[in-house]
Amino acid sequence: MSASKIAAVLRKCREQRAFSGAAYAWGTASSVVESGTVGTLSWDGEPVQPDSLWDLASVTKPIVALAMMKLLEEGELRLDDTIAYFLPDYAGTDKAGITLHQLLTHSGGIPGQQPLYKTAATAEALMEAVKRLPLRSKPGTTVEYTSQGFMIVGAVIEAVTGLPLQRAMQETVLAPVGMSRTLFNPPADLHPRTAATEQCPWRGRLVRGEVHDENCVVLGGVAGHAGLFSDIGDLIRLCQTMLRLGDSGKGRYLQPATVMQMTRNHTSGLNLARGLGWQAKDRFGSPAGDLFSSASFGHTGFTGTSVWMDLEADVFAILLTNRVHPSRENEAMGRVRAIFHNLVVAEAQRGGDAAQQ
């Protein structure tokens, strides 16, 4: 496969209007084998650049989970601790005994896909609505993907650190890993460098430089489930830190045991495969595609973003797109992701075979 095959496939996907623009990269713990950009930041906009910013959407979740694992290493919490231990307002609720492990693996029974922004006008009202959501299942019995649960993860991090989540993330994850261009609420001067997302019916305008997720908007653009913006270079640093078992390249960020614990499948007896903040690879329908191994892990974002990696194979794949531009009704991304991941793994294995010859 030529080095431009991935770019050619992504250009074809753009022609089919899967997204207006994309940035991608793949490589190993020590090198970036290929990276590139395709298309424009909006359908009538400027070309995508290597430093273009993307709304990560739910790729925020595993980055926030890194903060919790760092606090675990520092002795501030354990996975068996409960929500109510850190958030006394939850005492006496049906969520009081949900553990941090269950929050991070989406197995706490908290419903997902809740448009709380429609009735909650303030951050306080929205978090109160999260607290009052009736559980859908008994904690520990099923996996239901829930942004609402990760809103609570963010609140726990704030309680443990005594800091607003934005500052806690900067101090516990972004600065130590070297993700200097990853941030919440990009200032206005960065908006022209940011990929456009949806022509939003709720806001009545095209969203660009502001978080796409409506619940996150009500939470001030900073939350445990969404809100981070980043570029391809910072996500390469994230992936390589994971592949190096916690070594950021400028010092040790996490211990290898922590990375191994975080990235294994913790829900093998349940309906979906989940690590701690990360998606593990499901047997069917995984965004990882067909060729990434069952030990691989990653995460996707609603806006069209994803990271995926495999510790044993020493490979990472990053694809950043704006598939919700101008409408979230575009459903082509599932197929695009799988094909992209298949191409990366096939090329990585070709490279490995060539190196052995």
Protein backbone atom coordinates (compact mmCIF):
# COMPACT_ATOMS: atom_id res chain seq x y z
CA MET A 1 0.00 0.00 0.00
CA SER A 2 1.40 3.42 -0.90
CA ALA A 3 1.88 5.98 1.85
CA SER A 4 -0.94 8.06 0.34
CA LYS A 5 -3.57 5.30 0.33
CA ILE A 6 -5.13 6.48 3.60
CA ALA A 7 -5.28 10.07 2.35
CA ALA A 8 -6.85 8.89 -0.91
CA VAL A 9 -9.53 6.95 0.96
CA LEU A 10 -10.26 9.94 3.23
CA ARG A 11 -10.50 12.26 0.21
CA LYS A 12 -13.05 9.87 -1.29
CA CYS A 13 -14.99 9.91 1.98
CA ARG A 14 -15.03 13.70 1.84
CA GLU A 15 -16.34 13.56 -1.72
CA GLN A 16 -19.14 11.40 -0.34
CA ARG A 17 -19.74 14.14 2.26
CA ALA A 18 -18.83 12.10 5.32
CA PHE A 19 -17.09 15.26 6.64
CA SER A 20 -15.73 18.53 5.29
CA GLY A 21 -12.29 18.01 6.80
CA ALA A 22 -10.04 15.54 8.55
CA ALA A 23 -6.65 15.23 10.20
CA TYR A 24 -5.11 11.83 10.78
CA ALA A 25 -1.98 10.15 12.07
CA TRP A 26 -0.71 6.70 12.86
CA GLY A 27 2.51 5.35 14.25
CA THR A 28 4.22 3.63 17.14
CA ALA A 29 5.44 4.48 20.63
CA SER A 30 8.56 6.05 19.13
CA SER A 31 7.58 7.39 15.73
CA VAL A 32 4.83 8.89 13.61
CA VAL A 33 4.71 6.82 10.43
CA GLU A 34 2.17 8.93 8.58
CA SER A 35 0.09 12.02 9.24
CA GLY A 36 -1.89 14.32 7.02
CA THR A 37 -4.91 16.51 6.45
CA VAL A 38 -7.83 16.37 4.05
CA GLY A 39 -10.43 18.93 3.08
CA THR A 40 -11.57 22.13 4.75
CA LEU A 41 -12.62 23.30 8.23
CA SER A 42 -16.13 23.95 6.89
CA TRP A 43 -17.66 23.16 3.53
CA ASP A 44 -16.85 26.66 2.24
CA GLY A 45 -13.90 27.28 4.54
CA GLU A 46 -10.13 27.23 4.79
CA PRO A 47 -8.05 24.06 4.32
CA VAL A 48 -7.40 21.88 7.35
CA GLN A 49 -3.92 22.47 8.79
CA PRO A 50 -1.80 20.29 11.11
CA ASP A 51 -2.53 22.71 13.97
CA SER A 52 -6.29 22.89 13.35
CA LEU A 53 -8.39 22.36 16.47
CA TRP A 54 -11.16 19.78 16.75
CA ASP A 55 -14.00 19.38 19.21
CA LEU A 56 -13.05 16.03 20.76
CA ALA A 57 -16.55 15.36 22.16
CA SER A 58 -16.42 12.07 24.08
CA VAL A 59 -12.71 11.55 23.47
CA THR A 60 -12.68 13.92 26.45
CA LYS A 61 -13.77 10.98 28.65
CA PRO A 62 -10.59 8.87 28.66
CA ILE A 63 -8.47 12.02 29.06
CA VAL A 64 -10.53 12.94 32.13
CA ALA A 65 -10.19 9.33 33.33
CA LEU A 66 -6.41 9.81 33.23
CA ALA A 67 -6.82 12.46 35.92
CA MET A 68 -8.65 9.98 38.12
CA MET A 69 -5.96 7.35 37.62
CA LYS A 70 -3.26 9.90 38.47
CA LEU A 71 -5.13 10.69 41.70
CA LEU A 72 -5.34 6.95 42.37
CA GLU A 73 -1.55 6.67 42.07
CA GLU A 74 -1.19 9.55 44.50
CA GLY A 75 -3.30 7.80 47.11
CA GLU A 76 -6.25 10.18 46.87
CA LEU A 77 -8.81 7.58 45.84
CA ARG A 78 -9.38 3.91 44.99
CA LEU A 79 -11.65 2.32 42.43
CA ASP A 80 -13.91 0.81 45.11
CA ASP A 81 -14.65 4.24 46.60
CA THR A 82 -18.24 5.37 46.13
CA ILE A 83 -19.76 8.54 44.74
CA ALA A 84 -21.18 9.52 48.12
CA TYR A 85 -17.74 9.25 49.76
CA PHE A 86 -16.62 12.27 47.72
CA LEU A 87 -19.98 13.93 47.01
CA PRO A 88 -22.05 13.95 50.23
CA ASP A 89 -25.07 15.37 48.38
CA TYR A 90 -25.45 11.91 46.81
CA ALA A 91 -25.92 10.22 50.19
CA GLY A 92 -29.37 8.68 50.37
CA THR A 93 -29.79 8.63 46.58
CA ASP A 94 -29.83 5.56 44.34
CA LYS A 95 -26.31 6.54 43.19
CA ALA A 96 -24.69 6.76 46.61
CA GLY A 97 -23.08 3.32 46.44
CA ILE A 98 -21.98 3.42 42.79
CA THR A 99 -18.20 2.96 42.71
CA LEU A 100 -15.61 4.86 40.74
CA HIS A 101 -14.90 1.60 38.93
CA GLN A 102 -18.53 1.42 37.83
CA LEU A 103 -18.49 5.06 36.72
CA LEU A 104 -15.34 4.57 34.64
CA THR A 105 -16.69 1.38 33.02
CA HIS A 106 -20.21 2.76 32.39
CA SER A 107 -21.65 -0.04 34.52
CA GLY A 108 -23.25 2.02 37.29
CA GLY A 109 -26.78 1.84 35.86
CA ILE A 110 -26.93 5.58 35.16
CA PRO A 111 -28.94 6.27 31.97
CA GLY A 112 -27.17 7.77 28.98
CA GLN A 113 -28.34 9.98 26.11
CA GLN A 114 -30.21 12.39 28.39
CA PRO A 115 -31.00 15.83 26.85
CA LEU A 116 -31.02 17.54 30.24
CA TYR A 117 -30.17 20.90 28.64
CA LYS A 118 -33.76 21.15 27.44
CA THR A 119 -35.05 21.70 30.98
CA ALA A 120 -31.94 22.69 32.98
CA ALA A 121 -30.89 26.29 32.34
CA THR A 122 -27.88 26.40 34.68
CA ALA A 123 -24.95 24.15 35.55
CA GLU A 124 -26.32 23.67 39.04
CA ALA A 125 -29.75 22.66 37.74
CA LEU A 126 -28.23 20.24 35.24
CA MET A 127 -26.06 18.50 37.83
CA GLU A 128 -29.08 18.28 40.12
CA ALA A 129 -30.98 16.62 37.25
CA VAL A 130 -28.11 14.12 36.87
CA LYS A 131 -28.36 13.30 40.57
CA ARG A 132 -32.11 12.70 40.28
CA LEU A 133 -32.03 10.48 37.17
CA PRO A 134 -33.50 7.08 38.13
CA LEU A 135 -31.09 4.22 37.58
CA ARG A 136 -31.85 2.06 34.57
CA SER A 137 -30.23 -1.09 35.97
CA LYS A 138 -28.64 -2.41 39.13
CA PRO A 139 -25.02 -1.17 39.37
CA GLY A 140 -22.52 -3.69 38.06
CA THR A 141 -25.00 -5.73 35.99
CA THR A 142 -24.87 -4.09 32.55
CA VAL A 143 -22.91 -1.56 30.52
CA GLU A 144 -24.82 1.47 29.31
CA TYR A 145 -22.74 4.24 27.78
CA THR A 146 -23.52 7.32 29.85
CA SER A 147 -22.21 10.83 29.54
CA GLN A 148 -24.18 11.59 32.70
CA GLY A 149 -21.96 9.20 34.65
CA PHE A 150 -18.85 11.03 33.42
CA MET A 151 -20.34 14.33 34.51
CA ILE A 152 -20.14 12.81 37.99
CA VAL A 153 -16.54 11.72 37.33
CA GLY A 154 -15.72 15.37 36.69
CA ALA A 155 -17.43 16.39 39.93
CA VAL A 156 -15.46 13.78 41.88
CA ILE A 157 -12.17 15.07 40.45
CA GLU A 158 -13.12 18.58 41.53
CA ALA A 159 -13.98 17.33 45.03
CA VAL A 160 -10.72 15.39 45.40
CA THR A 161 -8.44 18.14 44.09
CA GLY A 162 -10.35 21.13 45.46
CA LEU A 163 -9.93 22.72 42.02
CA PRO A 164 -12.29 23.58 39.16
CA LEU A 165 -12.17 20.77 36.60
CA GLN A 166 -10.46 22.93 33.98
CA ARG A 167 -7.52 23.65 36.32
CA ALA A 168 -7.45 20.10 37.69
CA MET A 169 -7.15 18.73 34.16
CA GLN A 170 -4.37 21.18 33.33
CA GLU A 171 -2.37 20.22 36.42
CA THR A 172 -2.98 16.46 36.50
CA VAL A 173 -3.03 15.56 32.79
CA LEU A 174 -2.47 18.19 30.12
CA ALA A 175 0.72 19.83 31.42
CA PRO A 176 2.43 16.61 32.56
CA VAL A 177 1.70 14.80 29.27
CA GLY A 178 2.76 17.84 27.24
CA MET A 179 -0.66 18.49 25.65
CA SER A 180 -0.10 22.24 25.48
CA ARG A 181 -2.69 22.89 22.77
CA THR A 182 -5.55 20.96 24.40
CA LEU A 183 -8.09 23.11 26.20
CA PHE A 184 -11.69 23.80 27.13
CA ASN A 185 -13.49 26.83 25.70
CA PRO A 186 -11.05 28.00 23.01
CA PRO A 187 -10.70 31.80 22.99
CA ALA A 188 -12.14 33.73 20.05
CA ASP A 189 -8.78 34.11 18.32
CA LEU A 190 -8.58 30.32 17.93
CA HIS A 191 -12.05 29.91 16.42
CA PRO A 192 -10.87 30.45 12.82
CA ARG A 193 -8.47 27.50 13.29
CA THR A 194 -11.25 25.26 14.61
CA ALA A 195 -13.31 22.82 12.56
CA ALA A 196 -16.97 23.78 12.25
CA THR A 197 -19.53 21.37 13.65
CA GLU A 198 -23.31 21.55 13.48
CA GLN A 199 -25.80 24.07 12.25
CA CYS A 200 -27.41 23.79 15.67
CA PRO A 201 -31.23 23.98 15.88
CA TRP A 202 -31.07 24.67 19.64
CA ARG A 203 -28.66 27.59 19.26
CA GLY A 204 -29.95 28.70 15.88
CA ARG A 205 -26.47 29.06 14.36
CA LEU A 206 -23.43 27.24 13.09
CA VAL A 207 -21.23 26.05 15.95
CA ARG A 208 -17.51 26.74 15.62
CA GLY A 209 -15.03 27.08 18.46
CA GLU A 210 -17.76 26.32 21.00
CA VAL A 211 -18.45 22.84 22.32
CA HIS A 212 -21.01 20.94 20.26
CA ASP A 213 -22.52 18.93 23.15
CA GLU A 214 -25.52 20.84 24.46
CA ASN A 215 -25.35 19.48 28.02
CA CYS A 216 -21.71 20.62 28.14
CA VAL A 217 -22.76 24.09 26.97
CA VAL A 218 -25.04 24.43 30.00
CA LEU A 219 -22.15 23.23 32.20
CA GLY A 220 -20.06 26.15 30.96
CA GLY A 221 -18.12 24.22 28.31
CA VAL A 222 -16.17 22.25 30.91
CA ALA A 223 -17.29 18.76 31.95
CA GLY A 224 -16.13 15.23 32.54
CA HIS A 225 -17.88 13.88 29.45
CA ALA A 226 -17.09 16.47 26.76
CA GLY A 227 -15.62 19.90 26.15
CA LEU A 228 -11.97 19.41 25.24
CA PHE A 229 -10.58 20.73 21.96
CA SER A 230 -7.25 19.48 20.64
CA ASP A 231 -5.06 19.04 17.58
CA ILE A 232 -3.39 16.06 15.97
CA GLY A 233 0.00 16.73 17.59
CA ASP A 234 -1.33 16.68 21.15
CA LEU A 235 -3.26 13.48 20.53
CA ILE A 236 -0.10 11.87 19.16
CA ARG A 237 1.53 12.74 22.50
CA LEU A 238 -1.40 11.16 24.35
CA CYS A 239 -1.29 7.95 22.32
CA GLN A 240 2.48 7.59 22.55
CA THR A 241 2.35 8.13 26.31
CA MET A 242 -0.10 5.24 26.55
CA LEU A 243 1.97 3.02 24.24
CA ARG A 244 5.07 3.78 26.33
CA LEU A 245 3.15 2.59 29.41
CA GLY A 246 2.92 6.02 30.97
CA ASP A 247 6.21 7.60 29.87
CA SER A 248 5.33 11.00 28.38
CA GLY A 249 8.68 11.36 26.65
CA LYS A 250 9.71 14.06 29.09
CA GLY A 251 9.27 11.99 32.23
CA ARG A 252 7.09 9.28 33.72
CA TYR A 253 3.44 10.31 33.92
CA LEU A 254 1.78 7.04 35.00
CA GLN A 255 3.22 3.77 36.19
CA PRO A 256 3.03 0.82 33.76
CA ALA A 257 0.72 -1.09 36.12
CA THR A 258 -1.73 1.81 36.02
CA VAL A 259 -1.80 1.90 32.22
CA MET A 260 -2.25 -1.87 32.03
CA GLN A 261 -5.10 -1.73 34.54
CA MET A 262 -6.75 1.14 32.73
CA THR A 263 -6.66 -0.43 29.28
CA ARG A 264 -7.75 -4.02 29.93
CA ASN A 265 -11.35 -5.14 29.49
CA HIS A 266 -13.04 -4.83 32.89
CA THR A 267 -16.51 -5.91 31.73
CA SER A 268 -15.86 -9.21 29.95
CA GLY A 269 -18.90 -10.82 31.57
CA LEU A 270 -21.24 -8.01 30.54
CA ASN A 271 -22.80 -6.85 27.28
CA LEU A 272 -20.11 -4.37 26.15
CA ALA A 273 -16.32 -4.27 26.55
CA ARG A 274 -15.01 -1.41 28.66
CA GLY A 275 -11.71 -0.40 30.21
CA LEU A 276 -11.35 2.39 32.75
CA GLY A 277 -12.44 5.38 30.71
CA TRP A 278 -11.46 3.58 27.50
CA GLN A 279 -13.50 1.44 25.14
CA ALA A 280 -12.19 -2.08 24.78
CA LYS A 281 -12.86 -3.95 21.54
CA ASP A 282 -16.30 -5.49 21.25
CA ARG A 283 -16.63 -8.69 19.27
CA PHE A 284 -19.07 -7.14 16.82
CA GLY A 285 -19.61 -3.57 15.66
CA SER A 286 -16.43 -2.12 17.15
CA PRO A 287 -15.19 1.22 15.82
CA ALA A 288 -11.75 -0.43 15.90
CA GLY A 289 -12.63 -2.22 12.67
CA ASP A 290 -11.72 -5.78 11.79
CA LEU A 291 -7.94 -6.00 12.24
CA PHE A 292 -7.12 -4.36 15.57
CA SER A 293 -6.65 -7.09 18.17
CA SER A 294 -9.04 -7.95 20.98
CA ALA A 295 -6.53 -6.33 23.37
CA SER A 296 -6.77 -2.94 21.64
CA PHE A 297 -8.53 0.07 23.13
CA GLY A 298 -9.53 3.61 22.29
CA HIS A 299 -12.46 6.00 22.23
CA THR A 300 -14.71 7.79 19.77
CA GLY A 301 -16.39 11.19 19.82
CA PHE A 302 -19.82 12.13 18.48
CA THR A 303 -18.37 14.96 16.39
CA GLY A 304 -16.33 12.46 14.34
CA THR A 305 -13.15 12.08 16.37
CA SER A 306 -11.37 8.93 17.53
CA VAL A 307 -8.16 7.49 18.90
CA TRP A 308 -7.34 3.77 18.92
CA MET A 309 -4.24 1.85 19.94
CA ASP A 310 -2.75 -1.55 20.72
CA LEU A 311 -0.01 -1.97 23.31
CA GLU A 312 1.12 -5.39 22.08
CA ALA A 313 1.25 -4.43 18.41
CA ASP A 314 2.74 -1.00 19.26
CA VAL A 315 0.46 0.99 17.00
CA PHE A 316 -1.84 3.98 17.38
CA ALA A 317 -4.38 5.52 15.00
CA ILE A 318 -5.96 8.96 15.26
CA LEU A 319 -8.75 10.28 13.05
CA LEU A 320 -10.23 13.74 13.63
CA THR A 321 -13.19 14.84 11.50
CA ASN A 322 -16.25 17.07 11.69
CA ARG A 323 -18.80 14.51 10.58
CA VAL A 324 -21.63 16.50 12.28
CA HIS A 325 -21.06 19.44 9.92
CA PRO A 326 -23.55 20.70 9.03
CA SER A 327 -25.88 18.05 10.46
CA ARG A 328 -25.62 15.17 12.92
CA GLU A 329 -27.86 13.11 10.63
CA ASN A 330 -24.72 12.03 8.74
CA GLU A 331 -24.13 8.40 9.78
CA ALA A 332 -21.24 7.48 7.47
CA MET A 333 -18.59 7.75 10.17
CA GLY A 334 -18.93 4.23 11.58
CA ARG A 335 -17.87 2.72 8.27
CA VAL A 336 -15.17 5.35 7.69
CA ARG A 337 -13.55 4.69 11.07
CA ALA A 338 -13.47 0.93 10.58
CA ILE A 339 -11.90 1.24 7.14
CA PHE A 340 -9.32 3.75 8.40
CA HIS A 341 -8.35 1.43 11.26
CA ASN A 342 -8.11 -1.57 8.92
CA LEU A 343 -5.77 0.38 6.63
CA VAL A 344 -3.56 1.42 9.55
CA VAL A 345 -3.20 -2.09 10.98
CA ALA A 346 -2.55 -3.62 7.56
CA GLU A 347 0.13 -1.05 6.79
CA ALA A 348 1.71 -1.41 10.24
CA GLN A 349 1.97 -5.16 9.74
CA ARG A 350 3.44 -4.73 6.27
CA GLY A 351 6.08 -2.49 7.79
CA GLY A 352 6.82 -5.05 10.48
CA ASP A 353 7.13 -7.83 7.92
CA ALA A 354 9.49 -5.71 5.81
CA ALA A 355 11.66 -4.95 8.84
CA GLN A 356 12.08 -8.67 9.53
CA GLN A 357 13.18 -9.48 5.98
